[in-house]
């Protein structure tokens, strides 16, 4: 059974013209997309330490080589 709040919203929504109903729908969809997504970090702890240190070193070196350089001729 829908809550009183939902019934109240529907009552007002039904009284609106179609173009405003569409605006309300767009607003509700945008609010829905802002809800928290993903998993808590505590669930990811099981993966801690699973990447070998040699691979972590290789990633760090690649970042240093590729991301910490400025190409003055780029612009």
PDB file of N, CA and C in Angstrom:
ATOM      1  N   UNK A   1       0.846  -1.184   0.000  1.00  0.00           N
ATOM      2  CA  UNK A   1       0.000   0.000   0.000  1.00  0.00           C
ATOM      3  C   UNK A   1       0.891   1.248   0.000  1.00  0.00           C
ATOM      4  N   UNK A   2       0.663   2.159  -0.950  1.00  0.00           N
ATOM      5  CA  UNK A   2       1.495   3.359  -1.034  1.00  0.00           C
ATOM      6  C   UNK A   2       1.374   4.218   0.224  1.00  0.00           C
ATOM      7  N   UNK A   3       2.461   4.891   0.555  1.00  0.00           N
ATOM      8  CA  UNK A   3       2.447   5.757   1.729  1.00  0.00           C
ATOM      9  C   UNK A   3       1.589   6.988   1.465  1.00  0.00           C
ATOM     10  N   UNK A   4       1.236   7.659   2.530  1.00  0.00           N
ATOM     11  CA  UNK A   4       0.425   8.874   2.428  1.00  0.00           C
ATOM     12  C   UNK A   4       1.176   9.923   1.616  1.00  0.00           C
ATOM     13  N   UNK A   5       2.468  10.000   1.808  1.00  0.00           N
ATOM     14  CA  UNK A   5       3.275  10.974   1.073  1.00  0.00           C
ATOM     15  C   UNK A   5       3.213  10.716  -0.428  1.00  0.00           C
ATOM     16  N   UNK A   6       3.361   9.466  -0.826  1.00  0.00           N
ATOM     17  CA  UNK A   6       3.306   9.122  -2.253  1.00  0.00           C
ATOM     18  C   UNK A   6       1.925   9.434  -2.814  1.00  0.00           C
ATOM     19  N   UNK A   7       0.885   9.113  -2.065  1.00  0.00           N
ATOM     20  CA  UNK A   7      -0.483   9.417  -2.513  1.00  0.00           C
ATOM     21  C   UNK A   7      -0.674  10.917  -2.701  1.00  0.00           C
ATOM     22  N   UNK A   8      -0.105  11.712  -1.810  1.00  0.00           N
ATOM     23  CA  UNK A   8      -0.208  13.164  -1.908  1.00  0.00           C
ATOM     24  C   UNK A   8       0.519  13.682  -3.141  1.00  0.00           C
ATOM     25  N   UNK A   9       1.705  13.144  -3.400  1.00  0.00           N
ATOM     26  CA  UNK A   9       2.465  13.552  -4.581  1.00  0.00           C
ATOM     27  C   UNK A   9       1.704  13.191  -5.849  1.00  0.00           C
ATOM     28  N   UNK A  10       1.169  11.989  -5.902  1.00  0.00           N
ATOM     29  CA  UNK A  10       0.415  11.540  -7.080  1.00  0.00           C
ATOM     30  C   UNK A  10      -0.807  12.426  -7.305  1.00  0.00           C
ATOM     31  N   UNK A  11      -1.483  12.794  -6.234  1.00  0.00           N
ATOM     32  CA  UNK A  11      -2.671  13.662  -6.340  1.00  0.00           C
ATOM     33  C   UNK A  11      -2.298  14.990  -7.001  1.00  0.00           C
ATOM     34  N   UNK A  12      -1.212  15.582  -6.553  1.00  0.00           N
ATOM     35  CA  UNK A  12      -0.783  16.851  -7.135  1.00  0.00           C
ATOM     36  C   UNK A  12      -0.257  16.657  -8.547  1.00  0.00           C
ATOM     37  N   UNK A  13       0.426  15.569  -8.778  1.00  0.00           N
ATOM     38  CA  UNK A  13       0.983  15.286 -10.097  1.00  0.00           C
ATOM     39  C   UNK A  13      -0.123  15.128 -11.135  1.00  0.00           C
ATOM     40  N   UNK A  14      -1.187  14.454 -10.759  1.00  0.00           N
ATOM     41  CA  UNK A  14      -2.306  14.245 -11.689  1.00  0.00           C
ATOM     42  C   UNK A  14      -2.978  15.552 -12.081  1.00  0.00           C
ATOM     43  N   UNK A  15      -2.864  16.559 -11.244  1.00  0.00           N
ATOM     44  CA  UNK A  15      -3.496  17.849 -11.535  1.00  0.00           C
ATOM     45  C   UNK A  15      -2.648  18.718 -12.468  1.00  0.00           C
ATOM     46  N   UNK A  16      -1.410  18.338 -12.658  1.00  0.00           N
ATOM     47  CA  UNK A  16      -0.519  19.123 -13.513  1.00  0.00           C
ATOM     48  C   UNK A  16      -0.734  18.801 -14.982  1.00  0.00           C
ATOM     49  N   UNK A  17      -0.446  19.769 -15.854  1.00  0.00           N
ATOM     50  CA  UNK A  17      -0.491  19.480 -17.294  1.00  0.00           C
ATOM     51  C   UNK A  17       0.658  18.534 -17.672  1.00  0.00           C
ATOM     52  N   UNK A  18       0.533  17.858 -18.811  1.00  0.00           N
ATOM     53  CA  UNK A  18       1.530  16.864 -19.214  1.00  0.00           C
ATOM     54  C   UNK A  18       2.973  17.388 -19.250  1.00  0.00           C
ATOM     55  N   UNK A  19       3.174  18.625 -19.698  1.00  0.00           N
ATOM     56  CA  UNK A  19       4.542  19.130 -19.781  1.00  0.00           C
ATOM     57  C   UNK A  19       5.160  19.276 -18.389  1.00  0.00           C
ATOM     58  N   UNK A  20       4.370  19.677 -17.403  1.00  0.00           N
ATOM     59  CA  UNK A  20       4.891  19.775 -16.046  1.00  0.00           C
ATOM     60  C   UNK A  20       5.052  18.390 -15.418  1.00  0.00           C
ATOM     61  N   UNK A  21       4.197  17.464 -15.765  1.00  0.00           N
ATOM     62  CA  UNK A  21       4.371  16.088 -15.299  1.00  0.00           C
ATOM     63  C   UNK A  21       5.704  15.541 -15.793  1.00  0.00           C
ATOM     64  N   UNK A  22       6.054  15.869 -17.040  1.00  0.00           N
ATOM     65  CA  UNK A  22       7.332  15.424 -17.609  1.00  0.00           C
ATOM     66  C   UNK A  22       8.499  16.036 -16.844  1.00  0.00           C
ATOM     67  N   UNK A  23       8.356  17.308 -16.457  1.00  0.00           N
ATOM     68  CA  UNK A  23       9.413  17.956 -15.678  1.00  0.00           C
ATOM     69  C   UNK A  23       9.587  17.280 -14.322  1.00  0.00           C
ATOM     70  N   UNK A  24       8.462  16.933 -13.702  1.00  0.00           N
ATOM     71  CA  UNK A  24       8.526  16.241 -12.414  1.00  0.00           C
ATOM     72  C   UNK A  24       9.210  14.892 -12.582  1.00  0.00           C
ATOM     73  N   UNK A  25       8.863  14.171 -13.639  1.00  0.00           N
ATOM     74  CA  UNK A  25       9.498  12.880 -13.899  1.00  0.00           C
ATOM     75  C   UNK A  25      11.005  13.036 -14.086  1.00  0.00           C
ATOM     76  N   UNK A  26      11.408  14.046 -14.831  1.00  0.00           N
ATOM     77  CA  UNK A  26      12.843  14.296 -15.033  1.00  0.00           C
ATOM     78  C   UNK A  26      13.530  14.605 -13.707  1.00  0.00           C
ATOM     79  N   UNK A  27      12.880  15.391 -12.866  1.00  0.00           N
ATOM     80  CA  UNK A  27      13.452  15.720 -11.562  1.00  0.00           C
ATOM     81  C   UNK A  27      13.602  14.476 -10.704  1.00  0.00           C
ATOM     82  N   UNK A  28      12.565  13.646 -10.666  1.00  0.00           N
ATOM     83  CA  UNK A  28      12.619  12.432  -9.849  1.00  0.00           C
ATOM     84  C   UNK A  28      13.715  11.501 -10.353  1.00  0.00           C
ATOM     85  N   UNK A  29      13.841  11.382 -11.658  1.00  0.00           N
ATOM     86  CA  UNK A  29      14.906  10.537 -12.216  1.00  0.00           C
ATOM     87  C   UNK A  29      16.281  11.077 -11.845  1.00  0.00           C
ATOM     88  N   UNK A  30      16.454  12.400 -11.890  1.00  0.00           N
ATOM     89  CA  UNK A  30      17.754  12.967 -11.545  1.00  0.00           C
ATOM     90  C   UNK A  30      18.055  12.770 -10.061  1.00  0.00           C
ATOM     91  N   UNK A  31      17.043  12.858  -9.218  1.00  0.00           N
ATOM     92  CA  UNK A  31      17.243  12.609  -7.791  1.00  0.00           C
ATOM     93  C   UNK A  31      17.600  11.149  -7.550  1.00  0.00           C
ATOM     94  N   UNK A  32      16.972  10.260  -8.284  1.00  0.00           N
ATOM     95  CA  UNK A  32      17.232   8.826  -8.137  1.00  0.00           C
ATOM     96  C   UNK A  32      18.674   8.495  -8.498  1.00  0.00           C
ATOM     97  N   UNK A  33      19.204   9.193  -9.490  1.00  0.00           N
ATOM     98  CA  UNK A  33      20.572   8.895  -9.925  1.00  0.00           C
ATOM     99  C   UNK A  33      21.618   9.407  -8.948  1.00  0.00           C
ATOM    100  N   UNK A  34      21.219  10.251  -7.994  1.00  0.00           N
ATOM    101  CA  UNK A  34      22.187  10.770  -7.026  1.00  0.00           C
ATOM    102  C   UNK A  34      22.319   9.871  -5.806  1.00  0.00           C
ATOM    103  N   UNK A  35      21.509   8.829  -5.735  1.00  0.00           N
ATOM    104  CA  UNK A  35      21.594   7.936  -4.593  1.00  0.00           C
ATOM    105  C   UNK A  35      22.946   7.241  -4.570  1.00  0.00           C
ATOM    106  N   UNK A  36      23.403   6.953  -3.390  1.00  0.00           N
ATOM    107  CA  UNK A  36      24.709   6.320  -3.215  1.00  0.00           C
ATOM    108  C   UNK A  36      24.764   4.985  -3.947  1.00  0.00           C
ATOM    109  N   UNK A  37      25.863   4.784  -4.637  1.00  0.00           N
ATOM    110  CA  UNK A  37      26.060   3.536  -5.358  1.00  0.00           C
ATOM    111  C   UNK A  37      27.380   2.914  -4.930  1.00  0.00           C
ATOM    112  N   UNK A  38      27.556   1.676  -5.223  1.00  0.00           N
ATOM    113  CA  UNK A  38      28.811   1.015  -4.912  1.00  0.00           C
ATOM    114  C   UNK A  38      28.708   0.168  -3.660  1.00  0.00           C
ATOM    115  N   UNK A  39      29.869  -0.180  -3.134  1.00  0.00           N
ATOM    116  CA  UNK A  39      29.930  -1.020  -1.940  1.00  0.00           C
ATOM    117  C   UNK A  39      30.777  -0.319  -0.894  1.00  0.00           C
ATOM    118  N   UNK A  40      30.535  -0.602   0.361  1.00  0.00           N
ATOM    119  CA  UNK A  40      31.372  -0.014   1.406  1.00  0.00           C
ATOM    120  C   UNK A  40      32.821  -0.487   1.277  1.00  0.00           C
ATOM    121  N   UNK A  41      33.738   0.375   1.666  1.00  0.00           N
ATOM    122  CA  UNK A  41      35.154   0.031   1.602  1.00  0.00           C
ATOM    123  C   UNK A  41      35.491  -1.215   2.396  1.00  0.00           C
ATOM    124  N   UNK A  42      34.754  -1.446   3.472  1.00  0.00           N
ATOM    125  CA  UNK A  42      35.032  -2.632   4.294  1.00  0.00           C
ATOM    126  C   UNK A  42      34.842  -3.920   3.505  1.00  0.00           C
ATOM    127  N   UNK A  43      33.987  -3.883   2.487  1.00  0.00           N
ATOM    128  CA  UNK A  43      33.786  -5.073   1.659  1.00  0.00           C
ATOM    129  C   UNK A  43      34.950  -5.308   0.706  1.00  0.00           C
ATOM    130  N   UNK A  44      35.752  -4.269   0.494  1.00  0.00           N
ATOM    131  CA  UNK A  44      36.875  -4.386  -0.432  1.00  0.00           C
ATOM    132  C   UNK A  44      38.167  -4.813   0.254  1.00  0.00           C
ATOM    133  N   UNK A  45      38.159  -4.837   1.578  1.00  0.00           N
ATOM    134  CA  UNK A  45      39.366  -5.193   2.318  1.00  0.00           C
ATOM    135  C   UNK A  45      39.889  -6.588   1.979  1.00  0.00           C
ATOM    136  N   UNK A  46      39.003  -7.458   1.533  1.00  0.00           N
ATOM    137  CA  UNK A  46      39.445  -8.811   1.179  1.00  0.00           C
ATOM    138  C   UNK A  46      40.446  -8.797   0.026  1.00  0.00           C
ATOM    139  N   UNK A  47      40.480  -7.701  -0.740  1.00  0.00           N
ATOM    140  CA  UNK A  47      41.384  -7.613  -1.885  1.00  0.00           C
ATOM    141  C   UNK A  47      42.705  -6.937  -1.532  1.00  0.00           C
ATOM    142  N   UNK A  48      42.814  -6.413  -0.331  1.00  0.00           N
ATOM    143  CA  UNK A  48      44.040  -5.727   0.077  1.00  0.00           C
ATOM    144  C   UNK A  48      45.226  -6.684   0.008  1.00  0.00           C
ATOM    145  N   UNK A  49      46.291  -6.221  -0.606  1.00  0.00           N
ATOM    146  CA  UNK A  49      47.508  -7.018  -0.690  1.00  0.00           C
ATOM    147  C   UNK A  49      47.512  -8.065  -1.781  1.00  0.00           C
ATOM    148  N   UNK A  50      46.529  -8.072  -2.658  1.00  0.00           N
ATOM    149  CA  UNK A  50      46.472  -9.116  -3.690  1.00  0.00           C
ATOM    150  C   UNK A  50      47.286  -8.777  -4.928  1.00  0.00           C
ATOM    151  N   UNK A  51      47.697  -7.512  -5.080  1.00  0.00           N
ATOM    152  CA  UNK A  51      48.527  -7.149  -6.230  1.00  0.00           C
ATOM    153  C   UNK A  51      49.988  -7.316  -5.818  1.00  0.00           C
ATOM    154  N   UNK A  52      50.738  -8.105  -6.555  1.00  0.00           N
ATOM    155  CA  UNK A  52      52.150  -8.316  -6.210  1.00  0.00           C
ATOM    156  C   UNK A  52      52.921  -6.988  -6.213  1.00  0.00           C
ATOM    157  N   UNK A  53      53.887  -6.866  -5.321  1.00  0.00           N
ATOM    158  CA  UNK A  53      54.643  -5.615  -5.192  1.00  0.00           C
ATOM    159  C   UNK A  53      55.380  -5.271  -6.480  1.00  0.00           C
ATOM    160  N   UNK A  54      55.789  -6.268  -7.238  1.00  0.00           N
ATOM    161  CA  UNK A  54      56.484  -5.989  -8.505  1.00  0.00           C
ATOM    162  C   UNK A  54      55.547  -5.268  -9.484  1.00  0.00           C
ATOM    163  N   UNK A  55      54.286  -5.663  -9.483  1.00  0.00           N
ATOM    164  CA  UNK A  55      53.321  -4.994 -10.361  1.00  0.00           C
ATOM    165  C   UNK A  55      53.014  -3.586  -9.868  1.00  0.00           C
ATOM    166  N   UNK A  56      52.951  -3.411  -8.551  1.00  0.00           N
ATOM    167  CA  UNK A  56      52.734  -2.078  -7.998  1.00  0.00           C
ATOM    168  C   UNK A  56      53.886  -1.148  -8.357  1.00  0.00           C
ATOM    169  N   UNK A  57      55.112  -1.671  -8.300  1.00  0.00           N
ATOM    170  CA  UNK A  57      56.284  -0.881  -8.695  1.00  0.00           C
ATOM    171  C   UNK A  57      56.195  -0.493 -10.168  1.00  0.00           C
ATOM    172  N   UNK A  58      55.812  -1.433 -11.013  1.00  0.00           N
ATOM    173  CA  UNK A  58      55.686  -1.155 -12.446  1.00  0.00           C
ATOM    174  C   UNK A  58      54.620  -0.088 -12.699  1.00  0.00           C
ATOM    175  N   UNK A  59      53.512  -0.153 -11.967  1.00  0.00           N
ATOM    176  CA  UNK A  59      52.459   0.863 -12.116  1.00  0.00           C
ATOM    177  C   UNK A  59      52.961   2.232 -11.682  1.00  0.00           C
ATOM    178  N   UNK A  60      53.671   2.283 -10.565  1.00  0.00           N
ATOM    179  CA  UNK A  60      54.211   3.552 -10.072  1.00  0.00           C
ATOM    180  C   UNK A  60      55.175   4.167 -11.075  1.00  0.00           C
ATOM    181  N   UNK A  61      56.044   3.345 -11.648  1.00  0.00           N
ATOM    182  CA  UNK A  61      56.992   3.840 -12.642  1.00  0.00           C
ATOM    183  C   UNK A  61      56.277   4.355 -13.884  1.00  0.00           C
ATOM    184  N   UNK A  62      55.257   3.643 -14.329  1.00  0.00           N
ATOM    185  CA  UNK A  62      54.499   4.076 -15.509  1.00  0.00           C
ATOM    186  C   UNK A  62      53.806   5.408 -15.241  1.00  0.00           C
ATOM    187  N   UNK A  63      53.295   5.581 -14.048  1.00  0.00           N
ATOM    188  CA  UNK A  63      52.645   6.845 -13.693  1.00  0.00           C
ATOM    189  C   UNK A  63      53.667   7.971 -13.676  1.00  0.00           C
ATOM    190  N   UNK A  64      54.798   7.724 -13.072  1.00  0.00           N
ATOM    191  CA  UNK A  64      55.844   8.742 -13.015  1.00  0.00           C
ATOM    192  C   UNK A  64      56.307   9.138 -14.411  1.00  0.00           C
ATOM    193  N   UNK A  65      56.492   8.156 -15.283  1.00  0.00           N
ATOM    194  CA  UNK A  65      56.993   8.427 -16.628  1.00  0.00           C
ATOM    195  C   UNK A  65      55.932   9.100 -17.496  1.00  0.00           C
ATOM    196  N   UNK A  66      54.687   8.679 -17.359  1.00  0.00           N
ATOM    197  CA  UNK A  66      53.646   9.176 -18.251  1.00  0.00           C
ATOM    198  C   UNK A  66      52.887  10.379 -17.752  1.00  0.00           C
ATOM    199  N   UNK A  67      52.884  10.599 -16.452  1.00  0.00           N
ATOM    200  CA  UNK A  67      52.018  11.635 -15.900  1.00  0.00           C
ATOM    201  C   UNK A  67      52.768  12.821 -15.318  1.00  0.00           C
ATOM    202  N   UNK A  68      54.040  12.696 -15.101  1.00  0.00           N
ATOM    203  CA  UNK A  68      54.763  13.770 -14.440  1.00  0.00           C
ATOM    204  C   UNK A  68      55.664  14.521 -15.404  1.00  0.00           C
ATOM    205  N   UNK A  69      55.290  14.519 -16.666  1.00  0.00           N
ATOM    206  CA  UNK A  69      56.079  15.227 -17.660  1.00  0.00           C
ATOM    207  C   UNK A  69      55.203  16.285 -18.328  1.00  0.00           C
ATOM    208  N   UNK A  70      55.796  17.379 -18.676  1.00  0.00           N
ATOM    209  CA  UNK A  70      55.094  18.456 -19.350  1.00  0.00           C
ATOM    210  C   UNK A  70      55.638  18.554 -20.758  1.00  0.00           C
ATOM    211  N   UNK A  71      54.753  18.488 -21.737  1.00  0.00           N
ATOM    212  CA  UNK A  71      55.147  18.646 -23.126  1.00  0.00           C
ATOM    213  C   UNK A  71      54.873  20.099 -23.500  1.00  0.00           C
ATOM    214  N   UNK A  72      55.915  20.928 -23.514  1.00  0.00           N
ATOM    215  CA  UNK A  72      55.751  22.368 -23.787  1.00  0.00           C
ATOM    216  C   UNK A  72      55.262  22.645 -25.190  1.00  0.00           C
ATOM    217  N   UNK A  73      55.454  21.717 -26.116  1.00  0.00           N
ATOM    218  CA  UNK A  73      55.005  21.912 -27.496  1.00  0.00           C
ATOM    219  C   UNK A  73      53.574  21.417 -27.726  1.00  0.00           C
ATOM    220  N   UNK A  74      52.962  20.900 -26.665  1.00  0.00           N
ATOM    221  CA  UNK A  74      51.619  20.338 -26.819  1.00  0.00           C
ATOM    222  C   UNK A  74      50.588  21.394 -27.203  1.00  0.00           C
ATOM    223  N   UNK A  75      50.750  22.593 -26.671  1.00  0.00           N
ATOM    224  CA  UNK A  75      49.759  23.651 -26.948  1.00  0.00           C
ATOM    225  C   UNK A  75      50.151  24.366 -28.183  1.00  0.00           C
TER     226      UNK A  75
END
